[in-house]
Amino acid sequence: MPDLLDDMLAAGQVCEADAAAIRGDADIAGEALSEETVLRRLAEEYGLAYTDLLDVAPDPEALSVFPARALLRYELLPLRKTPTGVEVATSHLYVTEGMDALRLLTGMRLTPVLAPRQRILKALRQRLGVGADTIDSLDEERQIEVVDDEADGDVNLDDAAEDASIIRFVNQVIREAIGLRATDIHLEPFEDEMRIRYRVDGVLQDVPVPSQLKRYQPAIVSRVKILSRLDIAEKRLPQDGRIKVRLDNHDVDVRVSLIPMLHGEGVVMRLLQQDAGLMRLRELHMDEREDTLFRDLLTLPHGIVLVTGPTGSGKTTTLYSALNEINDAGRKIITIEDPVEYHIKGINQIQVSEKAGLTFARGLRSILRHDPDVLLIGEIRDSETAQIATQASLTGHLVFSTLHTNDAPGALVRLVDMGVEPYLVAAALEGVLAQRLVRVLCDECKEEDDTAPTRAVKAEVARLSGCTIYRPAGCEACRFTGFRGRRGVFEMMRLTEDIREILLTTRSPGAIRAAAVQEGLRSLSEDGWRLVAEGVTTVEEVLRVTRDGRTNGAIRRANGALVARQESVHGAV
């Protein structure tokens, strides 16, 4: 592979003579070269050690000898102390500037060990933490004072937060989170540390951070406040804001929430990529029954269609896929959202602004005077919004919205509890889609699962009989989590005359569910077993996100062992 060798030559990883020799050997043998192969040959040629770093844990004591900023700059990873010095992993055999600098700084003898560049960088991030070089420079410069959260403002946090190093650190955190496909960033203050976590594929993962980060917590929080235009002096009340970020020509909307905690202000930043590719309805991979029923709802002239589930379960993605399916020149579609998560050409979108007084209810009243055919309400949060949405559906509009309920039948009772009369719910509501997201197994490393807990579940679930079940293993492609991406599991309920009658009489969620099952309703867990049978996800994932009353004791008992096993599969951020 001449391109690889040319790149390594330019980076100082090989010399011209080595590159020519290795290229010639590869051509004769007819083999494809990788960085690992080249580095192994160099190690053999010059009598050096080689490591792939997969099973090597760098010694913290060896790491602590060197400044983080220098290690990151020169891409050097101290592995362990030896009687004569320190072994240091490097991918640049012919670039000696870094090794020379570390020798001058410490006076120690350094022995090079060749290792792949990306694995060195990954190990440095894991061991030193995100922004280690920035925090290292702050420690040296001492330009930011430690701020007492109880103080009345003796230190100007605005000035501290504008320090170049703090700006760089906050940017690094946001950039890394976006690069990891994270949906949320959590900055959590504790008595002796400031913890940072990213939510990736629906699961929170710890982010290694420098131990001295706690000292700069107030300035970091203040920087986030400045970016989101919040009151920097207010530390006793919750605040909400928004940041617009552009990274590599991609726009990301960051929703910021700050809440005072015992040891400082906790920050959660929700990352929404506004120009992310919009999914088509077929890309949701619904089963045939659910896909047919949901598409039937899109052809209705009026009525309410609800998508239910907890925060982060993909409700908005599903609704936008539906709108994209029916978006044409013959319909006027208006949405009112908080926030607008996707921008779609041809659809009129309204952003809720509580500060300006534009609420869902107030916006809906105005929208109805704009002659829409289809409405999307970001969320039915209160009685007033529910009432207006119901009236809109009864006056000839097709209304889409979301609701927070555990399952599809529960949405009917929830609307009644919000103050909508049962007869109006029965007349207006046409269908409810409940959904959850399960993590998708990494195709590169998933392996067959034939353990006792899995066999117990297999014996109880008829759908899994005779199927091969897989479990996560972990590899570089999935950052050793065993998963990459997520897929929806769905529970689709159409309102039939029997269900409407039950709603008008007993209003019992159990009776509504029983009637829906008679009509063909399949629960979230049943749809989850479909994905397990297809080798898309694991038994643990289905049990993690679905809990229905028909899950029997054998599966619950097996679940204990499955969860214990799942905790042994660790993610590396």
Protein backbone atom coordinates (compact mmCIF):
# COMPACT_ATOMS: atom_id res chain seq x y z
CA MET A 1 0.00 0.00 0.00
CA PRO A 2 2.13 2.91 -1.22
CA ASP A 3 -0.27 5.49 0.23
CA LEU A 4 0.20 4.15 3.74
CA LEU A 5 3.99 4.10 3.47
CA ASP A 6 4.03 7.59 1.94
CA ASP A 7 1.97 8.88 4.86
CA MET A 8 4.22 7.17 7.40
CA LEU A 9 7.28 8.53 5.61
CA ALA A 10 5.88 12.08 5.78
CA ALA A 11 5.08 11.64 9.47
CA GLY A 12 8.58 10.43 10.30
CA GLN A 13 7.47 6.91 11.17
CA VAL A 14 9.78 5.33 8.57
CA CYS A 15 12.78 6.49 6.56
CA GLU A 16 13.06 6.28 2.77
CA ALA A 17 15.28 3.21 2.87
CA ASP A 18 12.93 1.34 5.20
CA ALA A 19 9.89 2.34 3.14
CA ALA A 20 11.48 1.11 -0.08
CA ALA A 21 12.51 -2.21 1.49
CA ILE A 22 9.14 -2.84 3.09
CA ARG A 23 7.28 -1.89 -0.09
CA GLY A 24 9.42 -4.26 -2.13
CA ASP A 25 8.86 -7.15 0.30
CA ALA A 26 5.12 -6.51 0.30
CA ASP A 27 4.97 -6.45 -3.51
CA ILE A 28 6.83 -9.77 -3.72
CA ALA A 29 4.61 -11.40 -1.09
CA GLY A 30 1.48 -9.80 -2.51
CA GLU A 31 0.34 -8.68 0.94
CA ALA A 32 -1.51 -5.56 2.07
CA LEU A 33 0.31 -3.48 4.65
CA SER A 34 -1.07 -1.89 7.80
CA GLU A 35 0.60 0.44 10.29
CA GLU A 36 0.93 -2.46 12.71
CA THR A 37 2.71 -4.61 10.13
CA VAL A 38 5.16 -1.83 9.27
CA LEU A 39 5.93 -1.06 12.92
CA ARG A 40 6.47 -4.74 13.70
CA ARG A 41 9.01 -4.97 10.86
CA LEU A 42 10.81 -1.86 12.08
CA ALA A 43 10.94 -3.28 15.60
CA GLU A 44 12.50 -6.49 14.28
CA GLU A 45 14.93 -4.59 12.08
CA TYR A 46 16.25 -2.36 14.87
CA GLY A 47 15.93 -4.73 17.81
CA LEU A 48 13.14 -2.79 19.53
CA ALA A 49 10.11 -4.04 21.42
CA TYR A 50 6.62 -3.77 19.87
CA THR A 51 3.24 -3.69 21.61
CA ASP A 52 -0.29 -3.38 20.26
CA LEU A 53 -1.34 -1.86 23.64
CA LEU A 54 -4.48 -4.03 23.73
CA ASP A 55 -3.43 -5.91 26.87
CA VAL A 56 -0.97 -3.38 28.28
CA ALA A 57 -1.89 -1.14 31.20
CA PRO A 58 0.49 1.85 31.48
CA ASP A 59 1.92 2.31 34.97
CA PRO A 60 0.35 5.41 36.61
CA GLU A 61 3.62 6.07 38.42
CA ALA A 62 5.49 6.21 35.10
CA LEU A 63 2.84 8.52 33.64
CA SER A 64 3.03 10.90 36.60
CA VAL A 65 6.73 11.59 35.98
CA PHE A 66 6.06 13.53 32.77
CA PRO A 67 3.92 16.63 32.08
CA ALA A 68 0.68 15.76 30.31
CA ARG A 69 1.11 18.60 27.86
CA ALA A 70 4.43 17.19 26.60
CA LEU A 71 3.09 13.62 26.30
CA LEU A 72 0.09 14.76 24.26
CA ARG A 73 2.13 17.11 22.09
CA TYR A 74 4.71 14.48 21.16
CA GLU A 75 2.29 11.52 21.26
CA LEU A 76 4.38 9.53 23.73
CA LEU A 77 2.99 7.05 26.24
CA PRO A 78 5.14 6.03 29.26
CA LEU A 79 4.52 2.32 29.89
CA ARG A 80 6.54 1.30 32.93
CA LYS A 81 9.61 2.08 34.96
CA THR A 82 12.67 -0.12 34.55
CA PRO A 83 15.85 -0.34 36.63
CA THR A 84 17.56 1.93 34.09
CA GLY A 85 14.75 4.36 33.20
CA VAL A 86 11.31 4.31 31.58
CA GLU A 87 9.87 2.45 28.58
CA VAL A 88 7.95 4.86 26.34
CA ALA A 89 5.58 3.85 23.52
CA THR A 90 5.94 5.81 20.29
CA SER A 91 4.89 5.43 16.67
CA HIS A 92 7.53 7.87 15.36
CA LEU A 93 10.86 6.09 15.31
CA TYR A 94 12.70 8.82 13.40
CA VAL A 95 11.24 11.87 15.12
CA THR A 96 13.37 12.15 18.26
CA GLU A 97 12.37 15.66 19.31
CA GLY A 98 9.80 14.39 21.82
CA MET A 99 12.05 11.78 23.43
CA ASP A 100 14.84 14.33 23.67
CA ALA A 101 12.52 16.87 25.32
CA LEU A 102 11.37 14.35 27.93
CA ARG A 103 14.96 13.36 28.66
CA LEU A 104 15.88 17.01 29.24
CA LEU A 105 12.84 17.58 31.46
CA THR A 106 13.35 14.54 33.67
CA GLY A 107 16.99 13.51 33.23
CA MET A 108 15.82 9.92 32.84
CA ARG A 109 16.86 7.31 30.30
CA LEU A 110 14.01 6.52 27.89
CA THR A 111 13.67 3.27 25.95
CA PRO A 112 11.39 3.45 22.86
CA VAL A 113 8.73 0.77 22.31
CA LEU A 114 6.93 0.89 18.96
CA ALA A 115 3.10 0.96 19.02
CA PRO A 116 0.26 2.11 16.67
CA ARG A 117 -0.37 5.86 16.79
CA GLN A 118 -4.16 5.77 17.29
CA ARG A 119 -3.84 3.35 20.20
CA ILE A 120 -1.25 5.59 21.83
CA LEU A 121 -3.58 8.59 21.51
CA LYS A 122 -6.52 6.60 22.85
CA ALA A 123 -4.50 5.37 25.85
CA LEU A 124 -3.33 8.93 26.58
CA ARG A 125 -6.91 10.21 26.56
CA GLN A 126 -8.03 7.39 28.84
CA ARG A 127 -5.19 7.76 31.34
CA LEU A 128 -4.70 11.54 31.36
CA GLY A 129 -8.28 12.63 30.72
CA VAL A 130 -9.94 15.01 28.29
CA GLY A 131 -8.22 18.41 28.21
CA ALA A 132 -5.23 17.22 30.26
CA ASP A 133 -2.83 19.50 28.36
CA THR A 134 -5.10 22.48 29.01
CA ILE A 135 -5.37 21.80 32.74
CA ASP A 136 -1.62 21.20 32.83
CA SER A 137 -0.96 24.64 31.38
CA LEU A 138 -3.41 26.20 33.85
CA ASP A 139 -1.47 24.68 36.72
CA GLU A 140 1.73 26.17 35.36
CA GLU A 141 0.31 29.59 34.60
CA ARG A 142 -1.72 29.93 37.82
CA GLN A 143 -3.88 32.57 36.14
CA ILE A 144 -7.18 31.35 37.57
CA GLU A 145 -7.96 31.51 41.23
CA VAL A 146 -9.95 28.93 43.11
CA VAL A 147 -13.38 30.44 43.60
CA ASP A 148 -15.49 29.81 46.70
CA ASP A 149 -19.05 29.01 45.59
CA GLU A 150 -20.36 30.60 48.79
CA ALA A 151 -18.54 33.87 48.19
CA ASP A 152 -20.49 36.95 47.16
CA GLY A 153 -18.35 37.66 44.14
CA ASP A 154 -14.88 38.81 45.19
CA VAL A 155 -13.44 37.21 42.04
CA ASN A 156 -14.66 38.20 38.58
CA LEU A 157 -15.72 34.82 37.19
CA ASP A 158 -16.50 36.44 33.86
CA ASP A 159 -12.82 37.27 33.40
CA ALA A 160 -11.74 33.85 34.68
CA ALA A 161 -14.10 32.05 32.32
CA GLU A 162 -12.72 34.03 29.39
CA ASP A 163 -9.21 32.69 30.03
CA ALA A 164 -7.92 31.05 26.85
CA SER A 165 -7.22 27.76 28.62
CA ILE A 166 -10.75 27.47 30.03
CA ILE A 167 -12.22 28.31 26.63
CA ARG A 168 -10.03 25.63 25.07
CA PHE A 169 -11.00 23.05 27.69
CA VAL A 170 -14.76 23.58 27.26
CA ASN A 171 -14.32 23.42 23.48
CA GLN A 172 -12.38 20.16 23.83
CA VAL A 173 -15.15 18.59 25.92
CA ILE A 174 -17.87 19.55 23.41
CA ARG A 175 -15.77 18.52 20.41
CA GLU A 176 -14.94 15.11 21.86
CA ALA A 177 -18.57 14.46 22.81
CA ILE A 178 -19.73 15.25 19.27
CA GLY A 179 -16.99 13.02 17.86
CA LEU A 180 -18.18 10.13 20.04
CA ARG A 181 -21.81 10.56 18.88
CA ALA A 182 -22.84 11.52 22.41
CA THR A 183 -26.30 12.98 22.94
CA ASP A 184 -25.61 14.51 26.36
CA ILE A 185 -22.69 15.91 28.36
CA HIS A 186 -22.94 15.76 32.16
CA LEU A 187 -20.68 17.97 34.32
CA GLU A 188 -21.26 16.80 37.87
CA PRO A 189 -19.76 18.46 40.99
CA PHE A 190 -18.80 16.34 44.00
CA GLU A 191 -16.91 17.13 47.18
CA ASP A 192 -13.47 16.15 45.93
CA GLU A 193 -13.88 15.85 42.16
CA MET A 194 -15.67 17.14 39.10
CA ARG A 195 -16.97 14.23 37.07
CA ILE A 196 -17.68 14.37 33.34
CA ARG A 197 -19.84 11.79 31.60
CA TYR A 198 -21.12 11.39 28.03
CA ARG A 199 -24.32 9.59 27.09
CA VAL A 200 -23.47 7.43 24.08
CA ASP A 201 -26.08 5.14 22.54
CA GLY A 202 -28.35 5.85 25.52
CA VAL A 203 -25.86 4.80 28.21
CA LEU A 204 -23.75 7.14 30.36
CA GLN A 205 -20.00 6.57 30.14
CA ASP A 206 -17.36 8.06 32.44
CA VAL A 207 -14.82 10.35 30.80
CA PRO A 208 -11.31 10.32 32.27
CA VAL A 209 -10.38 13.81 33.48
CA PRO A 210 -7.28 15.24 35.16
CA SER A 211 -7.42 14.92 38.95
CA GLN A 212 -6.88 18.66 39.44
CA LEU A 213 -9.96 19.59 37.38
CA LYS A 214 -12.02 20.26 40.53
CA ARG A 215 -10.03 23.46 41.19
CA TYR A 216 -11.31 25.00 37.96
CA GLN A 217 -14.94 23.91 38.31
CA PRO A 218 -16.41 27.41 38.91
CA ALA A 219 -14.58 28.89 35.93
CA ILE A 220 -15.67 26.00 33.66
CA VAL A 221 -19.31 26.40 34.70
CA SER A 222 -19.05 30.15 34.19
CA ARG A 223 -17.69 29.62 30.69
CA VAL A 224 -20.72 27.46 29.87
CA LYS A 225 -22.98 30.20 31.24
CA ILE A 226 -21.32 32.83 29.08
CA LEU A 227 -21.68 30.66 25.98
CA SER A 228 -25.38 30.08 26.69
CA ARG A 229 -26.06 33.72 27.68
CA LEU A 230 -27.07 32.94 31.26
CA ASP A 231 -26.63 35.01 34.42
CA ILE A 232 -23.06 34.32 35.53
CA ALA A 233 -23.69 35.69 39.03
CA GLU A 234 -26.77 33.52 39.72
CA LYS A 235 -25.71 30.33 41.47
CA ARG A 236 -28.75 29.59 43.63
CA LEU A 237 -31.46 29.01 41.03
CA PRO A 238 -31.79 26.64 38.04
CA GLN A 239 -31.13 28.17 34.63
CA ASP A 240 -31.70 27.00 31.06
CA GLY A 241 -29.94 28.25 27.95
CA ARG A 242 -28.80 27.35 24.47
CA ILE A 243 -25.52 27.36 22.55
CA LYS A 244 -25.10 27.26 18.78
CA VAL A 245 -21.99 25.34 17.75
CA ARG A 246 -20.49 24.86 14.30
CA LEU A 247 -18.00 22.01 13.97
CA ASP A 248 -16.54 20.93 10.63
CA ASN A 249 -19.37 22.72 8.79
CA HIS A 250 -22.02 20.93 10.89
CA ASP A 251 -24.43 22.91 13.08
CA VAL A 252 -25.09 21.56 16.56
CA ASP A 253 -27.69 23.00 18.91
CA VAL A 254 -26.64 22.59 22.55
CA ARG A 255 -29.39 22.84 25.17
CA VAL A 256 -27.91 23.76 28.54
CA SER A 257 -29.47 23.11 31.94
CA LEU A 258 -27.83 24.20 35.21
CA ILE A 259 -29.08 23.18 38.64
CA PRO A 260 -27.47 24.11 42.00
CA MET A 261 -26.14 20.98 43.73
CA LEU A 262 -24.59 20.43 47.16
CA HIS A 263 -21.03 20.98 45.91
CA GLY A 264 -21.60 23.41 43.05
CA GLU A 265 -23.71 23.76 39.94
CA GLY A 266 -24.44 20.64 37.88
CA VAL A 267 -24.52 21.10 34.11
CA VAL A 268 -26.19 18.96 31.46
CA MET A 269 -25.72 19.82 27.78
CA ARG A 270 -27.99 18.13 25.23
CA LEU A 271 -26.42 17.89 21.77
CA LEU A 272 -28.76 18.15 18.80
CA GLN A 273 -27.25 17.97 15.32
CA GLN A 274 -29.65 20.09 13.32
CA ASP A 275 -28.28 19.15 9.93
CA ALA A 276 -28.13 15.43 10.65
CA GLY A 277 -29.52 13.32 7.85
CA LEU A 278 -33.26 12.84 8.25
CA MET A 279 -34.30 9.19 8.40
CA ARG A 280 -36.86 7.77 6.03
CA LEU A 281 -39.71 5.81 7.54
CA ARG A 282 -38.35 2.53 6.17
CA GLU A 283 -35.06 3.21 7.94
CA LEU A 284 -36.79 2.87 11.30
CA HIS A 285 -36.98 -0.88 10.57
CA MET A 286 -40.46 -1.38 12.04
CA ASP A 287 -41.91 -4.86 11.74
CA GLU A 288 -44.47 -5.34 8.97
CA ARG A 289 -47.57 -4.98 11.17
CA GLU A 290 -46.40 -1.80 12.90
CA ASP A 291 -45.14 -0.26 9.66
CA THR A 292 -48.45 -0.92 7.87
CA LEU A 293 -50.58 0.48 10.69
CA PHE A 294 -48.41 3.57 11.11
CA ARG A 295 -48.42 4.31 7.38
CA ASP A 296 -52.23 3.97 7.38
CA LEU A 297 -52.39 6.73 9.99
CA LEU A 298 -50.46 9.06 7.71
CA THR A 299 -53.22 8.86 5.10
CA LEU A 300 -55.96 10.06 7.48
CA PRO A 301 -57.49 13.50 6.83
CA HIS A 302 -57.77 14.36 10.53
CA GLY A 303 -57.23 12.98 14.02
CA ILE A 304 -54.45 12.75 16.62
CA VAL A 305 -51.45 10.42 16.27
CA LEU A 306 -49.29 10.12 19.38
CA VAL A 307 -45.78 8.75 19.84
CA THR A 308 -45.00 7.94 23.46
CA GLY A 309 -41.91 7.01 25.44
CA PRO A 310 -39.36 8.47 27.85
CA THR A 311 -36.93 11.27 27.02
CA GLY A 312 -34.34 10.16 24.49
CA SER A 313 -36.35 7.25 23.10
CA GLY A 314 -36.40 8.55 19.51
CA LYS A 315 -39.94 9.97 19.45
CA THR A 316 -38.98 13.12 17.52
CA THR A 317 -37.01 11.12 14.95
CA THR A 318 -40.05 8.93 14.31
CA LEU A 319 -42.38 11.90 13.94
CA TYR A 320 -40.04 13.70 11.56
CA SER A 321 -39.74 10.55 9.48
CA ALA A 322 -43.53 10.52 9.26
CA LEU A 323 -43.70 14.20 8.26
CA ASN A 324 -41.01 13.68 5.66
CA GLU A 325 -43.14 10.88 4.18
CA ILE A 326 -46.17 13.14 3.64
CA ASN A 327 -44.34 16.40 2.89
CA ASP A 328 -45.51 17.53 -0.53
CA ALA A 329 -46.78 20.62 -2.29
CA GLY A 330 -50.42 19.71 -1.63
CA ARG A 331 -50.20 19.97 2.17
CA LYS A 332 -49.28 22.79 4.52
CA ILE A 333 -47.38 21.38 7.48
CA ILE A 334 -46.59 23.51 10.55
CA THR A 335 -44.62 22.40 13.60
CA ILE A 336 -44.21 24.01 17.02
CA GLU A 337 -41.32 22.61 19.00
CA ASP A 338 -38.97 23.20 21.90
CA PRO A 339 -36.41 23.12 20.41
CA VAL A 340 -36.56 22.64 16.64
CA GLU A 341 -34.36 19.56 16.33
CA TYR A 342 -34.32 19.10 12.53
CA HIS A 343 -34.69 21.60 9.73
CA ILE A 344 -36.88 20.28 6.90
CA LYS A 345 -37.33 22.06 3.60
CA GLY A 346 -40.99 22.77 2.83
CA ILE A 347 -42.21 22.59 6.45
CA ASN A 348 -43.01 25.69 8.49
CA GLN A 349 -41.31 25.36 11.88
CA ILE A 350 -41.88 27.43 15.01
CA GLN A 351 -39.55 27.59 18.01
CA VAL A 352 -41.22 27.86 21.43
CA SER A 353 -39.90 30.78 23.52
CA GLU A 354 -41.09 30.78 27.11
CA LYS A 355 -39.28 34.07 27.85
CA ALA A 356 -41.07 35.81 25.00
CA GLY A 357 -44.39 34.24 26.03
CA LEU A 358 -44.67 31.92 23.02
CA THR A 359 -45.86 28.69 24.63
CA PHE A 360 -47.20 25.58 22.93
CA ALA A 361 -50.78 26.61 23.71
CA ARG A 362 -50.40 30.21 22.53
CA GLY A 363 -48.54 29.14 19.39
CA LEU A 364 -51.21 26.55 18.57
CA ARG A 365 -53.98 29.13 18.63
CA SER A 366 -52.09 31.24 16.10
CA ILE A 367 -51.12 28.26 13.94
CA LEU A 368 -54.77 27.34 13.40
CA ARG A 369 -55.29 30.70 11.69
CA HIS A 370 -52.57 29.83 9.15
CA ASP A 371 -54.73 27.24 7.38
CA PRO A 372 -52.56 24.16 8.08
CA ASP A 373 -53.37 20.62 6.98
CA VAL A 374 -50.94 18.87 9.32
CA LEU A 375 -49.67 19.97 12.73
CA LEU A 376 -46.75 18.69 14.77
CA ILE A 377 -46.78 19.64 18.44
CA GLY A 378 -43.41 18.89 20.03
CA GLU A 379 -44.99 17.66 23.25
CA ILE A 380 -48.39 17.72 24.95
CA ARG A 381 -47.30 19.01 28.35
CA ASP A 382 -50.42 20.44 29.95
CA SER A 383 -54.18 20.48 29.88
CA GLU A 384 -54.44 23.60 27.72
CA THR A 385 -52.24 22.15 24.97
CA ALA A 386 -54.12 18.84 25.11
CA GLN A 387 -57.49 20.61 24.76
CA ILE A 388 -56.37 22.72 21.79
CA ALA A 389 -54.78 19.72 20.04
CA THR A 390 -58.02 17.77 20.47
CA GLN A 391 -60.12 20.63 19.08
CA ALA A 392 -57.72 21.01 16.14
CA SER A 393 -58.10 17.34 15.23
CA LEU A 394 -61.87 17.58 15.42
CA THR A 395 -61.90 20.56 13.07
CA GLY A 396 -60.20 18.76 10.19
CA HIS A 397 -56.49 18.73 11.04
CA LEU A 398 -54.10 15.79 11.30
CA VAL A 399 -52.17 16.33 14.54
CA PHE A 400 -48.92 14.60 15.52
CA SER A 401 -47.45 14.90 19.00
CA THR A 402 -45.54 13.15 21.77
CA LEU A 403 -46.56 12.16 25.27
CA HIS A 404 -44.69 10.67 28.20
CA THR A 405 -46.32 7.33 29.03
CA ASN A 406 -44.91 3.83 29.59
CA ASP A 407 -46.94 2.12 26.85
CA ALA A 408 -49.46 2.80 24.10
CA PRO A 409 -52.68 2.06 26.05
CA GLY A 410 -51.56 4.39 28.84
CA ALA A 411 -51.74 7.38 26.50
CA LEU A 412 -55.56 7.32 26.49
CA VAL A 413 -55.82 7.48 30.26
CA ARG A 414 -53.09 10.13 30.39
CA LEU A 415 -55.07 12.48 28.13
CA VAL A 416 -58.15 12.01 30.32
CA ASP A 417 -56.06 12.76 33.41
CA MET A 418 -54.90 15.98 31.72
CA GLY A 419 -58.50 17.16 31.60
CA VAL A 420 -59.67 16.11 28.13
CA GLU A 421 -63.13 14.57 28.25
CA PRO A 422 -63.15 10.82 27.50
CA TYR A 423 -65.62 11.23 24.64
CA LEU A 424 -63.30 13.79 23.01
CA VAL A 425 -60.30 11.47 23.36
CA ALA A 426 -62.34 8.62 21.86
CA ALA A 427 -63.41 10.81 18.96
CA ALA A 428 -60.06 12.47 18.21
CA LEU A 429 -57.35 9.91 18.91
CA GLU A 430 -56.60 7.56 16.00
CA GLY A 431 -53.45 5.71 17.04
CA VAL A 432 -50.60 5.53 19.55
CA LEU A 433 -47.06 4.33 18.88
CA ALA A 434 -44.94 3.54 21.96
CA GLN A 435 -41.22 3.09 21.45
CA ARG A 436 -37.85 2.51 23.10
CA LEU A 437 -34.29 2.34 21.77
CA VAL A 438 -32.00 -0.66 22.18
CA ARG A 439 -28.30 -0.68 21.39
CA VAL A 440 -27.21 -2.50 18.24
CA LEU A 441 -24.49 -5.13 18.47
CA CYS A 442 -21.21 -4.33 16.75
CA ASP A 443 -20.97 -6.52 13.64
CA GLU A 444 -17.19 -6.65 13.95
CA CYS A 445 -17.04 -8.40 17.33
CA LYS A 446 -20.41 -9.89 18.37
CA GLU A 447 -20.20 -13.53 19.39
CA GLU A 448 -22.68 -16.35 19.95
CA ASP A 449 -24.22 -16.45 23.43
CA ASP A 450 -25.01 -19.89 24.79
CA THR A 451 -24.73 -19.20 28.53
CA ALA A 452 -27.19 -20.61 31.09
CA PRO A 453 -29.08 -17.31 31.68
CA THR A 454 -29.60 -16.87 27.95
CA ARG A 455 -30.78 -20.45 27.55
CA ALA A 456 -33.32 -19.83 30.36
CA VAL A 457 -34.73 -16.84 28.48
CA LYS A 458 -34.70 -18.81 25.23
CA ALA A 459 -36.79 -21.56 26.85
CA GLU A 460 -39.41 -19.01 27.99
CA VAL A 461 -39.70 -16.90 24.82
CA ALA A 462 -41.16 -18.83 21.91
CA ARG A 463 -39.88 -16.24 19.40
CA LEU A 464 -36.28 -17.13 20.33
CA SER A 465 -36.64 -20.89 19.95
CA GLY A 466 -34.12 -22.20 17.45
CA CYS A 467 -32.48 -18.79 16.95
CA THR A 468 -28.83 -17.92 17.47
CA ILE A 469 -28.47 -15.28 20.19
CA TYR A 470 -25.44 -13.01 20.29
CA ARG A 471 -23.67 -11.01 22.98
CA PRO A 472 -21.18 -8.09 22.88
CA ALA A 473 -17.45 -8.72 22.94
CA GLY A 474 -15.85 -5.33 22.36
CA CYS A 475 -13.30 -4.16 19.80
CA GLU A 476 -11.69 -0.97 18.52
CA ALA A 477 -14.51 -0.35 16.02
CA CYS A 478 -17.06 0.01 18.84
CA ARG A 479 -14.61 1.47 21.40
CA PHE A 480 -14.79 -1.80 23.32
CA THR A 481 -18.45 -1.38 24.27
CA GLY A 482 -19.70 -4.18 22.00
CA PHE A 483 -22.39 -1.86 20.57
CA ARG A 484 -22.60 0.74 17.84
CA GLY A 485 -25.79 2.67 17.15
CA ARG A 486 -29.38 2.08 18.26
CA ARG A 487 -32.58 0.62 16.84
CA GLY A 488 -36.20 1.20 17.85
CA VAL A 489 -38.62 -1.31 19.33
CA PHE A 490 -42.26 -0.41 18.80
CA GLU A 491 -45.77 -1.04 20.15
CA MET A 492 -48.49 0.14 17.76
CA MET A 493 -52.13 0.51 18.83
CA ARG A 494 -54.98 1.63 16.56
CA LEU A 495 -58.15 2.77 18.28
CA THR A 496 -60.99 0.42 17.40
CA GLU A 497 -64.64 0.70 18.38
CA ASP A 498 -64.10 -1.76 21.26
CA ILE A 499 -61.24 0.28 22.66
CA ARG A 500 -63.21 3.52 22.35
CA GLU A 501 -66.10 1.88 24.20
CA ILE A 502 -63.84 0.76 27.06
CA LEU A 503 -62.43 4.27 27.32
CA LEU A 504 -65.95 5.72 27.63
CA THR A 505 -67.02 3.19 30.28
CA THR A 506 -64.31 1.74 32.54
CA ARG A 507 -61.20 3.76 31.52
CA SER A 508 -59.12 0.85 32.78
CA PRO A 509 -55.60 0.68 31.28
CA GLY A 510 -55.63 -3.10 31.80
CA ALA A 511 -58.92 -3.50 29.95
CA ILE A 512 -57.70 -1.24 27.13
CA ARG A 513 -54.51 -3.28 26.79
CA ALA A 514 -56.43 -6.58 26.82
CA ALA A 515 -58.70 -5.34 24.03
CA ALA A 516 -55.72 -4.06 22.06
CA VAL A 517 -54.01 -7.45 22.38
CA GLN A 518 -57.14 -9.07 21.01
CA GLU A 519 -56.81 -6.72 18.04
CA GLY A 520 -53.20 -7.84 17.46
CA LEU A 521 -51.15 -5.49 19.66
CA ARG A 522 -47.59 -6.70 20.25
CA SER A 523 -45.78 -5.37 23.29
CA LEU A 524 -42.45 -3.56 23.29
CA SER A 525 -40.71 -6.63 24.68
CA GLU A 526 -42.21 -8.84 21.96
CA ASP A 527 -40.82 -6.51 19.31
CA GLY A 528 -37.52 -6.55 21.17
CA TRP A 529 -37.37 -10.35 20.95
CA ARG A 530 -37.71 -9.94 17.18
CA LEU A 531 -34.46 -7.96 17.12
CA VAL A 532 -32.76 -10.50 19.38
CA ALA A 533 -33.81 -13.31 17.02
CA GLU A 534 -32.41 -11.33 14.08
CA GLY A 535 -29.05 -10.93 15.86
CA VAL A 536 -29.43 -7.14 16.05
CA THR A 537 -29.34 -6.73 19.84
CA THR A 538 -29.03 -8.72 23.07
CA VAL A 539 -31.42 -10.18 25.62
CA GLU A 540 -29.99 -7.78 28.21
CA GLU A 541 -30.86 -4.76 26.08
CA VAL A 542 -34.49 -5.83 25.68
CA LEU A 543 -34.83 -6.46 29.41
CA ARG A 544 -33.14 -3.12 30.14
CA VAL A 545 -35.60 -0.97 28.20
CA THR A 546 -38.86 -2.97 28.36
CA ARG A 547 -40.86 -4.00 31.40
CA ASP A 548 -44.36 -5.35 30.85
CA GLY A 549 -46.59 -7.15 33.31
CA ARG A 550 -46.51 -10.41 31.37
CA THR A 551 -42.76 -10.89 31.78
CA ASN A 552 -42.69 -14.08 33.81
CA GLY A 553 -40.61 -15.13 36.79
CA ALA A 554 -38.15 -17.26 34.88
CA ILE A 555 -37.09 -14.31 32.75
CA ARG A 556 -36.81 -12.08 35.83
CA ARG A 557 -34.58 -14.61 37.55
CA ALA A 558 -32.44 -14.93 34.45
CA ASN A 559 -32.32 -11.16 34.20
CA GLY A 560 -30.27 -10.95 37.40
CA ALA A 561 -27.51 -13.04 35.88
CA LEU A 562 -27.76 -11.23 32.56
CA VAL A 563 -27.41 -7.80 34.17
CA ALA A 564 -24.40 -8.99 36.17
CA ARG A 565 -22.82 -10.20 32.95
CA GLN A 566 -23.68 -6.98 31.16
CA GLU A 567 -21.84 -4.94 33.80
CA SER A 568 -18.69 -6.91 33.00
CA VAL A 569 -18.75 -5.55 29.43
CA HIS A 570 -17.20 -2.12 29.98
CA GLY A 571 -17.21 0.80 27.61
CA ALA A 572 -14.08 2.83 26.89
CA VAL A 573 -14.59 6.48 26.03
